[in-house]
Protein backbone atom coordinates (compact mmCIF):
# COMPACT_ATOMS: atom_id res chain seq x y z
CA MET A 1 35.09 117.28 176.07
CA LYS A 2 38.86 117.82 174.52
CA PHE A 3 38.42 116.71 171.06
CA TYR A 4 35.47 119.43 170.80
CA TYR A 5 38.42 121.58 171.99
CA ASN A 6 40.94 120.44 169.25
CA ILE A 7 38.05 121.21 166.66
CA VAL A 8 37.82 124.60 167.72
CA PHE A 9 41.40 125.24 168.03
CA MET A 10 41.53 123.81 164.32
CA HIS A 11 39.19 125.98 163.04
CA PHE A 12 40.25 128.80 164.86
CA THR A 13 43.86 128.69 163.57
CA LEU A 14 42.52 128.34 160.27
CA VAL A 15 40.02 131.04 160.38
CA CYS A 16 42.34 133.41 162.15
CA SER A 17 45.98 132.87 160.13
CA PRO A 18 45.18 134.53 157.04
CA ILE A 19 43.56 137.23 159.20
CA CYS A 20 46.55 137.78 161.55
CA HIS A 21 48.93 137.45 158.45
CA LEU A 22 46.97 140.29 156.77
CA ALA A 23 46.55 142.10 159.86
CA PHE A 24 50.08 142.08 161.27
């Protein structure tokens, strides 16, 4: 389960980072 959350967290970070930087 922890591994799954790690994958989701990494994916969210990679996807959100550019968007967040552009938005804010």
